[in-house]
Amino acid sequence: MNTMNKEQFANLFLRELEQAAKTACEQFKLSLPDNFRIELHGAGGEGRIYGLSEAIDKLFLGDSRFFKIIDIAVKAIGNTETIFFVRVSGHVPCAWSETWDPVHSGPFKQLRAIRVGSETK
């Protein structure tokens, strides 16, 4: 695969978020709300919390240019939402074939949470 449109990218991102949520559920024996919010680091995110579509807008660079690595982990669980830590590596954007795992997850790299906090506002 050399290109990926925004819809394909969004579907892959959601699949990776769901995988991170499943891993955290199993690891911590918790149930996670499926209202996903993204704490974005890098890509102009500055650690702010974004909705899924806003985060995709920041993470998707185009059909043939991608961030090399995008780390994903569950960070906090609230009553109504799950907050994910999402961090873009400092690498220069690259072709799909040069991303973290071009065959399966592209730039998305699962991190295992050591602990999960409660959502605070």
PDB file of N, CA and C in Angstrom:
ATOM      1  N   MET A   1       0.847  -1.180   0.000  1.00  0.00           N
ATOM      2  CA  MET A   1       0.000   0.000   0.000  1.00  0.00           C
ATOM      3  C   MET A   1       0.890   1.240   0.000  1.00  0.00           C
ATOM      4  N   ASN A   2       0.656   2.128  -0.911  1.00  0.00           N
ATOM      5  CA  ASN A   2       1.422   3.368  -0.987  1.00  0.00           C
ATOM      6  C   ASN A   2       0.599   4.584  -0.594  1.00  0.00           C
ATOM      7  N   THR A   3      -0.719   4.468  -0.706  1.00  0.00           N
ATOM      8  CA  THR A   3      -1.585   5.588  -0.356  1.00  0.00           C
ATOM      9  C   THR A   3      -2.710   5.115   0.553  1.00  0.00           C
ATOM     10  N   MET A   4      -3.310   6.073   1.235  1.00  0.00           N
ATOM     11  CA  MET A   4      -4.452   5.797   2.097  1.00  0.00           C
ATOM     12  C   MET A   4      -5.258   7.082   2.176  1.00  0.00           C
ATOM     13  N   ASN A   5      -6.544   7.012   1.873  1.00  0.00           N
ATOM     14  CA  ASN A   5      -7.363   8.224   1.960  1.00  0.00           C
ATOM     15  C   ASN A   5      -7.765   8.478   3.416  1.00  0.00           C
ATOM     16  N   LYS A   6      -8.369   9.612   3.637  1.00  0.00           N
ATOM     17  CA  LYS A   6      -8.706  10.026   5.004  1.00  0.00           C
ATOM     18  C   LYS A   6      -9.691   9.072   5.673  1.00  0.00           C
ATOM     19  N   GLU A   7     -10.656   8.558   4.925  1.00  0.00           N
ATOM     20  CA  GLU A   7     -11.619   7.619   5.503  1.00  0.00           C
ATOM     21  C   GLU A   7     -10.926   6.321   5.933  1.00  0.00           C
ATOM     22  N   GLN A   8     -10.036   5.803   5.118  1.00  0.00           N
ATOM     23  CA  GLN A   8      -9.286   4.599   5.468  1.00  0.00           C
ATOM     24  C   GLN A   8      -8.417   4.843   6.700  1.00  0.00           C
ATOM     25  N   PHE A   9      -7.772   6.007   6.733  1.00  0.00           N
ATOM     26  CA  PHE A   9      -6.935   6.381   7.867  1.00  0.00           C
ATOM     27  C   PHE A   9      -7.773   6.461   9.140  1.00  0.00           C
ATOM     28  N   ALA A  10      -8.933   7.097   9.056  1.00  0.00           N
ATOM     29  CA  ALA A  10      -9.822   7.233  10.207  1.00  0.00           C
ATOM     30  C   ALA A  10     -10.269   5.857  10.710  1.00  0.00           C
ATOM     31  N   ASN A  11     -10.598   4.958   9.802  1.00  0.00           N
ATOM     32  CA  ASN A  11     -11.011   3.607  10.191  1.00  0.00           C
ATOM     33  C   ASN A  11      -9.883   2.859  10.894  1.00  0.00           C
ATOM     34  N   LEU A  12      -8.665   3.011  10.380  1.00  0.00           N
ATOM     35  CA  LEU A  12      -7.513   2.361  10.999  1.00  0.00           C
ATOM     36  C   LEU A  12      -7.253   2.958  12.380  1.00  0.00           C
ATOM     37  N   PHE A  13      -7.326   4.270  12.504  1.00  0.00           N
ATOM     38  CA  PHE A  13      -7.124   4.935  13.790  1.00  0.00           C
ATOM     39  C   PHE A  13      -8.158   4.440  14.805  1.00  0.00           C
ATOM     40  N   LEU A  14      -9.407   4.382  14.415  1.00  0.00           N
ATOM     41  CA  LEU A  14     -10.452   3.901  15.312  1.00  0.00           C
ATOM     42  C   LEU A  14     -10.198   2.448  15.714  1.00  0.00           C
ATOM     43  N   ARG A  15      -9.799   1.619  14.767  1.00  0.00           N
ATOM     44  CA  ARG A  15      -9.483   0.222  15.082  1.00  0.00           C
ATOM     45  C   ARG A  15      -8.357   0.144  16.124  1.00  0.00           C
ATOM     46  N   GLU A  16      -7.360   0.985  15.972  1.00  0.00           N
ATOM     47  CA  GLU A  16      -6.242   0.979  16.919  1.00  0.00           C
ATOM     48  C   GLU A  16      -6.661   1.506  18.291  1.00  0.00           C
ATOM     49  N   LEU A  17      -7.543   2.503  18.324  1.00  0.00           N
ATOM     50  CA  LEU A  17      -8.065   2.980  19.608  1.00  0.00           C
ATOM     51  C   LEU A  17      -8.872   1.878  20.292  1.00  0.00           C
ATOM     52  N   GLU A  18      -9.694   1.184  19.521  1.00  0.00           N
ATOM     53  CA  GLU A  18     -10.488   0.085  20.075  1.00  0.00           C
ATOM     54  C   GLU A  18      -9.592  -1.025  20.610  1.00  0.00           C
ATOM     55  N   GLN A  19      -8.483  -1.296  19.926  1.00  0.00           N
ATOM     56  CA  GLN A  19      -7.543  -2.311  20.399  1.00  0.00           C
ATOM     57  C   GLN A  19      -6.894  -1.869  21.710  1.00  0.00           C
ATOM     58  N   ALA A  20      -6.513  -0.603  21.803  1.00  0.00           N
ATOM     59  CA  ALA A  20      -5.926  -0.089  23.041  1.00  0.00           C
ATOM     60  C   ALA A  20      -6.938  -0.171  24.186  1.00  0.00           C
ATOM     61  N   ALA A  21      -8.200   0.137  23.896  1.00  0.00           N
ATOM     62  CA  ALA A  21      -9.253   0.046  24.912  1.00  0.00           C
ATOM     63  C   ALA A  21      -9.442  -1.400  25.362  1.00  0.00           C
ATOM     64  N   LYS A  22      -9.453  -2.318  24.418  1.00  0.00           N
ATOM     65  CA  LYS A  22      -9.619  -3.739  24.749  1.00  0.00           C
ATOM     66  C   LYS A  22      -8.464  -4.221  25.630  1.00  0.00           C
ATOM     67  N   THR A  23      -7.260  -3.831  25.285  1.00  0.00           N
ATOM     68  CA  THR A  23      -6.082  -4.213  26.064  1.00  0.00           C
ATOM     69  C   THR A  23      -6.182  -3.673  27.487  1.00  0.00           C
ATOM     70  N   ALA A  24      -6.580  -2.400  27.623  1.00  0.00           N
ATOM     71  CA  ALA A  24      -6.722  -1.801  28.952  1.00  0.00           C
ATOM     72  C   ALA A  24      -7.831  -2.482  29.750  1.00  0.00           C
ATOM     73  N   CYS A  25      -8.937  -2.828  29.097  1.00  0.00           N
ATOM     74  CA  CYS A  25     -10.036  -3.537  29.774  1.00  0.00           C
ATOM     75  C   CYS A  25      -9.541  -4.847  30.364  1.00  0.00           C
ATOM     76  N   GLU A  26      -8.798  -5.591  29.561  1.00  0.00           N
ATOM     77  CA  GLU A  26      -8.276  -6.882  30.011  1.00  0.00           C
ATOM     78  C   GLU A  26      -7.224  -6.703  31.100  1.00  0.00           C
ATOM     79  N   GLN A  27      -6.349  -5.724  30.929  1.00  0.00           N
ATOM     80  CA  GLN A  27      -5.253  -5.505  31.861  1.00  0.00           C
ATOM     81  C   GLN A  27      -5.754  -5.040  33.227  1.00  0.00           C
ATOM     82  N   PHE A  28      -6.707  -4.119  33.249  1.00  0.00           N
ATOM     83  CA  PHE A  28      -7.156  -3.512  34.494  1.00  0.00           C
ATOM     84  C   PHE A  28      -8.511  -4.020  34.974  1.00  0.00           C
ATOM     85  N   LYS A  29      -9.099  -4.961  34.215  1.00  0.00           N
ATOM     86  CA  LYS A  29     -10.405  -5.525  34.578  1.00  0.00           C
ATOM     87  C   LYS A  29     -11.446  -4.425  34.757  1.00  0.00           C
ATOM     88  N   LEU A  30     -11.491  -3.526  33.775  1.00  0.00           N
ATOM     89  CA  LEU A  30     -12.403  -2.394  33.800  1.00  0.00           C
ATOM     90  C   LEU A  30     -13.254  -2.376  32.540  1.00  0.00           C
ATOM     91  N   SER A  31     -14.349  -1.674  32.625  1.00  0.00           N
ATOM     92  CA  SER A  31     -15.172  -1.420  31.454  1.00  0.00           C
ATOM     93  C   SER A  31     -14.929   0.026  31.044  1.00  0.00           C
ATOM     94  N   LEU A  32     -14.673   0.244  29.768  1.00  0.00           N
ATOM     95  CA  LEU A  32     -14.367   1.584  29.285  1.00  0.00           C
ATOM     96  C   LEU A  32     -15.513   2.139  28.454  1.00  0.00           C
ATOM     97  N   PRO A  33     -15.898   3.400  28.716  1.00  0.00           N
ATOM     98  CA  PRO A  33     -16.916   4.035  27.868  1.00  0.00           C
ATOM     99  C   PRO A  33     -16.401   4.133  26.432  1.00  0.00           C
ATOM    100  N   ASP A  34     -17.302   3.990  25.467  1.00  0.00           N
ATOM    101  CA  ASP A  34     -16.868   4.028  24.069  1.00  0.00           C
ATOM    102  C   ASP A  34     -16.945   5.432  23.463  1.00  0.00           C
ATOM    103  N   ASN A  35     -17.067   6.436  24.292  1.00  0.00           N
ATOM    104  CA  ASN A  35     -16.948   7.823  23.852  1.00  0.00           C
ATOM    105  C   ASN A  35     -15.465   8.182  23.976  1.00  0.00           C
ATOM    106  N   PHE A  36     -14.763   8.140  22.851  1.00  0.00           N
ATOM    107  CA  PHE A  36     -13.315   8.319  22.858  1.00  0.00           C
ATOM    108  C   PHE A  36     -12.939   9.784  22.690  1.00  0.00           C
ATOM    109  N   ARG A  37     -12.016  10.245  23.531  1.00  0.00           N
ATOM    110  CA  ARG A  37     -11.437  11.579  23.434  1.00  0.00           C
ATOM    111  C   ARG A  37      -9.923  11.395  23.345  1.00  0.00           C
ATOM    112  N   ILE A  38      -9.274  12.305  22.661  1.00  0.00           N
ATOM    113  CA  ILE A  38      -7.857  12.159  22.346  1.00  0.00           C
ATOM    114  C   ILE A  38      -7.061  13.293  22.976  1.00  0.00           C
ATOM    115  N   GLU A  39      -6.107  12.953  23.854  1.00  0.00           N
ATOM    116  CA  GLU A  39      -5.133  13.926  24.346  1.00  0.00           C
ATOM    117  C   GLU A  39      -3.951  13.856  23.384  1.00  0.00           C
ATOM    118  N   LEU A  40      -3.846  14.851  22.521  1.00  0.00           N
ATOM    119  CA  LEU A  40      -2.889  14.812  21.417  1.00  0.00           C
ATOM    120  C   LEU A  40      -1.616  15.574  21.747  1.00  0.00           C
ATOM    121  N   HIS A  41      -0.501  14.885  21.575  1.00  0.00           N
ATOM    122  CA  HIS A  41       0.832  15.473  21.751  1.00  0.00           C
ATOM    123  C   HIS A  41       1.538  15.424  20.405  1.00  0.00           C
ATOM    124  N   GLY A  42       2.064  16.550  19.984  1.00  0.00           N
ATOM    125  CA  GLY A  42       2.649  16.663  18.649  1.00  0.00           C
ATOM    126  C   GLY A  42       1.568  17.008  17.649  1.00  0.00           C
ATOM    127  N   ALA A  43       1.948  17.237  16.426  1.00  0.00           N
ATOM    128  CA  ALA A  43       0.999  17.582  15.351  1.00  0.00           C
ATOM    129  C   ALA A  43       0.174  18.824  15.698  1.00  0.00           C
ATOM    130  N   GLY A  44       0.744  19.714  16.500  1.00  0.00           N
ATOM    131  CA  GLY A  44       0.030  20.922  16.887  1.00  0.00           C
ATOM    132  C   GLY A  44      -0.980  20.719  17.995  1.00  0.00           C
ATOM    133  N   GLY A  45      -0.997  19.537  18.599  1.00  0.00           N
ATOM    134  CA  GLY A  45      -1.987  19.230  19.624  1.00  0.00           C
ATOM    135  C   GLY A  45      -1.702  19.837  20.974  1.00  0.00           C
ATOM    136  N   GLU A  46      -0.444  19.998  21.322  1.00  0.00           N
ATOM    137  CA  GLU A  46      -0.018  20.633  22.568  1.00  0.00           C
ATOM    138  C   GLU A  46      -0.663  20.046  23.817  1.00  0.00           C
ATOM    139  N   GLY A  47      -1.029  18.761  23.781  1.00  0.00           N
ATOM    140  CA  GLY A  47      -1.622  18.113  24.944  1.00  0.00           C
ATOM    141  C   GLY A  47      -3.090  18.416  25.162  1.00  0.00           C
ATOM    142  N   ARG A  48      -3.718  19.090  24.216  1.00  0.00           N
ATOM    143  CA  ARG A  48      -5.149  19.396  24.322  1.00  0.00           C
ATOM    144  C   ARG A  48      -5.987  18.148  24.070  1.00  0.00           C
ATOM    145  N   ILE A  49      -7.213  18.181  24.545  1.00  0.00           N
ATOM    146  CA  ILE A  49      -8.162  17.086  24.346  1.00  0.00           C
ATOM    147  C   ILE A  49      -9.004  17.394  23.111  1.00  0.00           C
ATOM    148  N   TYR A  50      -9.096  16.407  22.206  1.00  0.00           N
ATOM    149  CA  TYR A  50      -9.842  16.547  20.962  1.00  0.00           C
ATOM    150  C   TYR A  50     -10.869  15.432  20.835  1.00  0.00           C
ATOM    151  N   GLY A  51     -11.918  15.713  20.098  1.00  0.00           N
ATOM    152  CA  GLY A  51     -12.832  14.667  19.677  1.00  0.00           C
ATOM    153  C   GLY A  51     -12.161  13.860  18.582  1.00  0.00           C
ATOM    154  N   LEU A  52     -12.733  12.735  18.251  1.00  0.00           N
ATOM    155  CA  LEU A  52     -12.144  11.829  17.266  1.00  0.00           C
ATOM    156  C   LEU A  52     -11.930  12.506  15.912  1.00  0.00           C
ATOM    157  N   SER A  53     -12.930  13.181  15.391  1.00  0.00           N
ATOM    158  CA  SER A  53     -12.786  13.786  14.063  1.00  0.00           C
ATOM    159  C   SER A  53     -11.766  14.918  14.059  1.00  0.00           C
ATOM    160  N   GLU A  54     -11.699  15.685  15.144  1.00  0.00           N
ATOM    161  CA  GLU A  54     -10.693  16.750  15.237  1.00  0.00           C
ATOM    162  C   GLU A  54      -9.286  16.161  15.257  1.00  0.00           C
ATOM    163  N   ALA A  55      -9.116  15.069  15.996  1.00  0.00           N
ATOM    164  CA  ALA A  55      -7.807  14.426  16.068  1.00  0.00           C
ATOM    165  C   ALA A  55      -7.394  13.882  14.703  1.00  0.00           C
ATOM    166  N   ILE A  56      -8.335  13.283  14.003  1.00  0.00           N
ATOM    167  CA  ILE A  56      -8.039  12.766  12.664  1.00  0.00           C
ATOM    168  C   ILE A  56      -7.596  13.901  11.747  1.00  0.00           C
ATOM    169  N   ASP A  57      -8.257  15.041  11.835  1.00  0.00           N
ATOM    170  CA  ASP A  57      -7.871  16.199  11.023  1.00  0.00           C
ATOM    171  C   ASP A  57      -6.425  16.604  11.287  1.00  0.00           C
ATOM    172  N   LYS A  58      -5.977  16.483  12.520  1.00  0.00           N
ATOM    173  CA  LYS A  58      -4.595  16.837  12.871  1.00  0.00           C
ATOM    174  C   LYS A  58      -3.603  15.746  12.452  1.00  0.00           C
ATOM    175  N   LEU A  59      -4.027  14.495  12.516  1.00  0.00           N
ATOM    176  CA  LEU A  59      -3.113  13.375  12.267  1.00  0.00           C
ATOM    177  C   LEU A  59      -2.983  12.990  10.794  1.00  0.00           C
ATOM    178  N   PHE A  60      -3.997  13.262  10.009  1.00  0.00           N
ATOM    179  CA  PHE A  60      -3.966  12.872   8.598  1.00  0.00           C
ATOM    180  C   PHE A  60      -3.285  13.970   7.787  1.00  0.00           C
ATOM    181  N   LEU A  61      -2.150  13.633   7.184  1.00  0.00           N
ATOM    182  CA  LEU A  61      -1.371  14.611   6.426  1.00  0.00           C
ATOM    183  C   LEU A  61      -1.710  14.617   4.941  1.00  0.00           C
ATOM    184  N   GLY A  62      -2.227  13.517   4.448  1.00  0.00           N
ATOM    185  CA  GLY A  62      -2.550  13.402   3.029  1.00  0.00           C
ATOM    186  C   GLY A  62      -2.491  11.953   2.601  1.00  0.00           C
ATOM    187  N   ASP A  63      -2.855  11.712   1.360  1.00  0.00           N
ATOM    188  CA  ASP A  63      -2.953  10.339   0.850  1.00  0.00           C
ATOM    189  C   ASP A  63      -1.615   9.607   0.766  1.00  0.00           C
ATOM    190  N   SER A  64      -0.518  10.339   0.706  1.00  0.00           N
ATOM    191  CA  SER A  64       0.777   9.663   0.507  1.00  0.00           C
ATOM    192  C   SER A  64       1.864  10.160   1.456  1.00  0.00           C
ATOM    193  N   ARG A  65       1.486  10.889   2.494  1.00  0.00           N
ATOM    194  CA  ARG A  65       2.459  11.409   3.461  1.00  0.00           C
ATOM    195  C   ARG A  65       1.891  11.196   4.861  1.00  0.00           C
ATOM    196  N   PHE A  66       2.673  10.539   5.726  1.00  0.00           N
ATOM    197  CA  PHE A  66       2.171  10.123   7.029  1.00  0.00           C
ATOM    198  C   PHE A  66       3.208  10.370   8.111  1.00  0.00           C
ATOM    199  N   PHE A  67       2.722  10.527   9.344  1.00  0.00           N
ATOM    200  CA  PHE A  67       3.651  10.536  10.461  1.00  0.00           C
ATOM    201  C   PHE A  67       4.244   9.137  10.569  1.00  0.00           C
ATOM    202  N   LYS A  68       5.512   9.052  10.925  1.00  0.00           N
ATOM    203  CA  LYS A  68       6.204   7.755  10.981  1.00  0.00           C
ATOM    204  C   LYS A  68       5.666   6.882  12.117  1.00  0.00           C
ATOM    205  N   ILE A  69       5.498   7.478  13.311  1.00  0.00           N
ATOM    206  CA  ILE A  69       5.019   6.736  14.478  1.00  0.00           C
ATOM    207  C   ILE A  69       4.008   7.598  15.223  1.00  0.00           C
ATOM    208  N   ILE A  70       2.878   6.998  15.568  1.00  0.00           N
ATOM    209  CA  ILE A  70       1.868   7.642  16.407  1.00  0.00           C
ATOM    210  C   ILE A  70       1.569   6.677  17.554  1.00  0.00           C
ATOM    211  N   ASP A  71       2.055   7.026  18.750  1.00  0.00           N
ATOM    212  CA  ASP A  71       1.837   6.183  19.928  1.00  0.00           C
ATOM    213  C   ASP A  71       0.400   6.329  20.422  1.00  0.00           C
ATOM    214  N   ILE A  72      -0.165   5.223  20.914  1.00  0.00           N
ATOM    215  CA  ILE A  72      -1.536   5.215  21.434  1.00  0.00           C
ATOM    216  C   ILE A  72      -1.579   4.410  22.737  1.00  0.00           C
ATOM    217  N   ALA A  73      -2.242   4.973  23.755  1.00  0.00           N
ATOM    218  CA  ALA A  73      -2.488   4.242  25.000  1.00  0.00           C
ATOM    219  C   ALA A  73      -3.696   4.855  25.700  1.00  0.00           C
ATOM    220  N   VAL A  74      -4.409   4.063  26.459  1.00  0.00           N
ATOM    221  CA  VAL A  74      -5.477   4.589  27.298  1.00  0.00           C
ATOM    222  C   VAL A  74      -4.814   5.335  28.447  1.00  0.00           C
ATOM    223  N   LYS A  75      -5.311   6.540  28.714  1.00  0.00           N
ATOM    224  CA  LYS A  75      -4.736   7.359  29.788  1.00  0.00           C
ATOM    225  C   LYS A  75      -5.665   7.486  30.983  1.00  0.00           C
ATOM    226  N   ALA A  76      -6.946   7.750  30.710  1.00  0.00           N
ATOM    227  CA  ALA A  76      -7.886   7.979  31.812  1.00  0.00           C
ATOM    228  C   ALA A  76      -9.270   7.483  31.425  1.00  0.00           C
ATOM    229  N   ILE A  77     -10.019   7.117  32.447  1.00  0.00           N
ATOM    230  CA  ILE A  77     -11.378   6.623  32.249  1.00  0.00           C
ATOM    231  C   ILE A  77     -12.316   7.470  33.095  1.00  0.00           C
ATOM    232  N   GLY A  78     -13.311   8.028  32.452  1.00  0.00           N
ATOM    233  CA  GLY A  78     -14.330   8.797  33.156  1.00  0.00           C
ATOM    234  C   GLY A  78     -15.641   8.047  33.152  1.00  0.00           C
ATOM    235  N   ASN A  79     -16.669   8.670  33.666  1.00  0.00           N
ATOM    236  CA  ASN A  79     -17.988   8.038  33.674  1.00  0.00           C
ATOM    237  C   ASN A  79     -18.560   7.911  32.274  1.00  0.00           C
ATOM    238  N   THR A  80     -18.228   8.873  31.409  1.00  0.00           N
ATOM    239  CA  THR A  80     -18.834   8.895  30.084  1.00  0.00           C
ATOM    240  C   THR A  80     -17.838   8.858  28.938  1.00  0.00           C
ATOM    241  N   GLU A  81     -16.537   8.935  29.231  1.00  0.00           N
ATOM    242  CA  GLU A  81     -15.567   8.932  28.141  1.00  0.00           C
ATOM    243  C   GLU A  81     -14.248   8.291  28.545  1.00  0.00           C
ATOM    244  N   THR A  82     -13.545   7.825  27.530  1.00  0.00           N
ATOM    245  CA  THR A  82     -12.210   7.265  27.687  1.00  0.00           C
ATOM    246  C   THR A  82     -11.236   8.228  27.022  1.00  0.00           C
ATOM    247  N   ILE A  83     -10.199   8.620  27.769  1.00  0.00           N
ATOM    248  CA  ILE A  83      -9.191   9.532  27.239  1.00  0.00           C
ATOM    249  C   ILE A  83      -7.976   8.710  26.812  1.00  0.00           C
ATOM    250  N   PHE A  84      -7.552   8.934  25.569  1.00  0.00           N
ATOM    251  CA  PHE A  84      -6.373   8.263  25.038  1.00  0.00           C
ATOM    252  C   PHE A  84      -5.204   9.233  24.951  1.00  0.00           C
ATOM    253  N   PHE A  85      -4.036   8.773  25.323  1.00  0.00           N
ATOM    254  CA  PHE A  85      -2.794   9.489  25.089  1.00  0.00           C
ATOM    255  C   PHE A  85      -2.385   9.141  23.659  1.00  0.00           C
ATOM    256  N   VAL A  86      -2.219  10.152  22.819  1.00  0.00           N
ATOM    257  CA  VAL A  86      -1.792   9.943  21.436  1.00  0.00           C
ATOM    258  C   VAL A  86      -0.638  10.908  21.182  1.00  0.00           C
ATOM    259  N   ARG A  87       0.517  10.352  20.793  1.00  0.00           N
ATOM    260  CA  ARG A  87       1.719  11.162  20.600  1.00  0.00           C
ATOM    261  C   ARG A  87       2.343  10.881  19.240  1.00  0.00           C
ATOM    262  N   VAL A  88       2.589  11.951  18.512  1.00  0.00           N
ATOM    263  CA  VAL A  88       3.248  11.860  17.213  1.00  0.00           C
ATOM    264  C   VAL A  88       4.754  11.951  17.442  1.00  0.00           C
ATOM    265  N   SER A  89       5.511  11.053  16.810  1.00  0.00           N
ATOM    266  CA  SER A  89       6.965  11.091  16.942  1.00  0.00           C
ATOM    267  C   SER A  89       7.530  12.326  16.248  1.00  0.00           C
ATOM    268  N   GLY A  90       8.754  12.639  16.566  1.00  0.00           N
ATOM    269  CA  GLY A  90       9.412  13.798  15.973  1.00  0.00           C
ATOM    270  C   GLY A  90      10.035  13.521  14.617  1.00  0.00           C
ATOM    271  N   HIS A  91       9.817  12.326  14.070  1.00  0.00           N
ATOM    272  CA  HIS A  91      10.374  11.992  12.761  1.00  0.00           C
ATOM    273  C   HIS A  91       9.763  12.846  11.656  1.00  0.00           C
ATOM    274  N   VAL A  92      10.498  12.984  10.600  1.00  0.00           N
ATOM    275  CA  VAL A  92       9.990  13.664   9.408  1.00  0.00           C
ATOM    276  C   VAL A  92       8.885  12.786   8.811  1.00  0.00           C
ATOM    277  N   PRO A  93       7.748  13.367   8.404  1.00  0.00           N
ATOM    278  CA  PRO A  93       6.709  12.568   7.751  1.00  0.00           C
ATOM    279  C   PRO A  93       7.280  11.787   6.570  1.00  0.00           C
ATOM    280  N   CYS A  94       6.655  10.651   6.297  1.00  0.00           N
ATOM    281  CA  CYS A  94       7.226   9.713   5.336  1.00  0.00           C
ATOM    282  C   CYS A  94       6.145   9.017   4.518  1.00  0.00           C
ATOM    283  N   ALA A  95       6.584   8.164   3.623  1.00  0.00           N
ATOM    284  CA  ALA A  95       5.678   7.318   2.848  1.00  0.00           C
ATOM    285  C   ALA A  95       5.117   6.229   3.759  1.00  0.00           C
ATOM    286  N   TRP A  96       3.981   5.668   3.388  1.00  0.00           N
ATOM    287  CA  TRP A  96       3.353   4.600   4.175  1.00  0.00           C
ATOM    288  C   TRP A  96       4.332   3.456   4.431  1.00  0.00           C
ATOM    289  N   SER A  97       5.117   3.105   3.450  1.00  0.00           N
ATOM    290  CA  SER A  97       6.050   1.980   3.565  1.00  0.00           C
ATOM    291  C   SER A  97       7.127   2.212   4.620  1.00  0.00           C
ATOM    292  N   GLU A  98       7.304   3.446   5.066  1.00  0.00           N
ATOM    293  CA  GLU A  98       8.327   3.775   6.067  1.00  0.00           C
ATOM    294  C   GLU A  98       7.726   3.986   7.457  1.00  0.00           C
ATOM    295  N   THR A  99       6.402   3.792   7.610  1.00  0.00           N
ATOM    296  CA  THR A  99       5.774   3.958   8.919  1.00  0.00           C
ATOM    297  C   THR A  99       6.126   2.788   9.834  1.00  0.00           C
ATOM    298  N   TRP A 100       5.739   2.893  11.083  1.00  0.00           N
ATOM    299  CA  TRP A 100       6.049   1.905  12.122  1.00  0.00           C
ATOM    300  C   TRP A 100       5.773   0.469  11.680  1.00  0.00           C
ATOM    301  N   ASP A 101       4.591   0.199  11.155  1.00  0.00           N
ATOM    302  CA  ASP A 101       4.201  -1.154  10.756  1.00  0.00           C
ATOM    303  C   ASP A 101       3.337  -1.065   9.496  1.00  0.00           C
ATOM    304  N   PRO A 102       3.981  -0.869   8.349  1.00  0.00           N
ATOM    305  CA  PRO A 102       3.213  -0.621   7.123  1.00  0.00           C
ATOM    306  C   PRO A 102       2.284  -1.758   6.706  1.00  0.00           C
ATOM    307  N   VAL A 103       2.510  -2.958   7.181  1.00  0.00           N
ATOM    308  CA  VAL A 103       1.672  -4.093   6.795  1.00  0.00           C
ATOM    309  C   VAL A 103       0.376  -4.137   7.601  1.00  0.00           C
ATOM    310  N   HIS A 104       0.423  -3.786   8.880  1.00  0.00           N
ATOM    311  CA  HIS A 104      -0.753  -3.936   9.737  1.00  0.00           C
ATOM    312  C   HIS A 104      -1.329  -2.621  10.250  1.00  0.00           C
ATOM    313  N   SER A 105      -0.537  -1.873  11.009  1.00  0.00           N
ATOM    314  CA  SER A 105      -1.084  -0.710  11.704  1.00  0.00           C
ATOM    315  C   SER A 105      -0.512   0.624  11.241  1.00  0.00           C
ATOM    316  N   GLY A 106       0.304   0.604  10.219  1.00  0.00           N
ATOM    317  CA  GLY A 106       0.864   1.850   9.707  1.00  0.00           C
ATOM    318  C   GLY A 106       1.645   2.577  10.776  1.00  0.00           C
ATOM    319  N   PRO A 107       1.343   3.844  11.008  1.00  0.00           N
ATOM    320  CA  PRO A 107       2.098   4.612  11.991  1.00  0.00           C
ATOM    321  C   PRO A 107       1.705   4.321  13.437  1.00  0.00           C
ATOM    322  N   PHE A 108       0.590   3.637  13.645  1.00  0.00           N
ATOM    323  CA  PHE A 108       0.052   3.480  14.992  1.00  0.00           C
ATOM    324  C   PHE A 108       0.779   2.398  15.784  1.00  0.00           C
ATOM    325  N   LYS A 109       1.320   2.815  16.926  1.00  0.00           N
ATOM    326  CA  LYS A 109       2.085   1.923  17.799  1.00  0.00           C
ATOM    327  C   LYS A 109       1.393   1.868  19.156  1.00  0.00           C
ATOM    328  N   GLN A 110       0.981   0.693  19.542  1.00  0.00           N
ATOM    329  CA  GLN A 110       0.303   0.498  20.824  1.00  0.00           C
ATOM    330  C   GLN A 110       1.309   0.569  21.965  1.00  0.00           C
ATOM    331  N   LEU A 111       0.995   1.376  22.966  1.00  0.00           N
ATOM    332  CA  LEU A 111       1.770   1.418  24.199  1.00  0.00           C
ATOM    333  C   LEU A 111       0.937   0.765  25.283  1.00  0.00           C
ATOM    334  N   ARG A 112       1.571   0.057  26.159  1.00  0.00           N
ATOM    335  CA  ARG A 112       0.852  -0.590  27.257  1.00  0.00           C
ATOM    336  C   ARG A 112       0.821   0.361  28.446  1.00  0.00           C
ATOM    337  N   ALA A 113      -0.358   0.653  28.925  1.00  0.00           N
ATOM    338  CA  ALA A 113      -0.504   1.554  30.066  1.00  0.00           C
ATOM    339  C   ALA A 113       0.003   0.880  31.333  1.00  0.00           C
ATOM    340  N   ILE A 114       0.755   1.609  32.122  1.00  0.00           N
ATOM    341  CA  ILE A 114       1.220   1.092  33.407  1.00  0.00           C
ATOM    342  C   ILE A 114       0.114   1.267  34.438  1.00  0.00           C
ATOM    343  N   ARG A 115      -0.581   2.385  34.327  1.00  0.00           N
ATOM    344  CA  ARG A 115      -1.747   2.641  35.169  1.00  0.00           C
ATOM    345  C   ARG A 115      -2.690   3.535  34.388  1.00  0.00           C
ATOM    346  N   VAL A 116      -3.931   3.519  34.776  1.00  0.00           N
ATOM    347  CA  VAL A 116      -4.937   4.352  34.132  1.00  0.00           C
ATOM    348  C   VAL A 116      -5.572   5.209  35.195  1.00  0.00           C
ATOM    349  N   GLY A 117      -5.591   6.518  34.967  1.00  0.00           N
ATOM    350  CA  GLY A 117      -6.147   7.437  35.933  1.00  0.00           C
ATOM    351  C   GLY A 117      -7.631   7.662  35.742  1.00  0.00           C
ATOM    352  N   SER A 118      -8.191   8.411  36.672  1.00  0.00           N
ATOM    353  CA  SER A 118      -9.585   8.841  36.541  1.00  0.00           C
ATOM    354  C   SER A 118      -9.589  10.163  35.818  1.00  0.00           C
ATOM    355  N   GLU A 119     -10.599  10.360  35.022  1.00  0.00           N
ATOM    356  CA  GLU A 119     -10.731  11.604  34.275  1.00  0.00           C
ATOM    357  C   GLU A 119     -10.973  12.743  35.254  1.00  0.00           C
ATOM    358  N   THR A 120     -10.256  13.838  35.057  1.00  0.00           N
ATOM    359  CA  THR A 120     -10.462  15.030  35.871  1.00  0.00           C
ATOM    360  C   THR A 120     -10.759  16.193  34.957  1.00  0.00           C
ATOM    361  N   LYS A 121     -11.607  17.069  35.396  1.00  0.00           N
ATOM    362  CA  LYS A 121     -11.960  18.242  34.590  1.00  0.00           C
ATOM    363  C   LYS A 121     -11.830  19.486  35.421  1.00  0.00           C
TER     364      LYS A 121
END
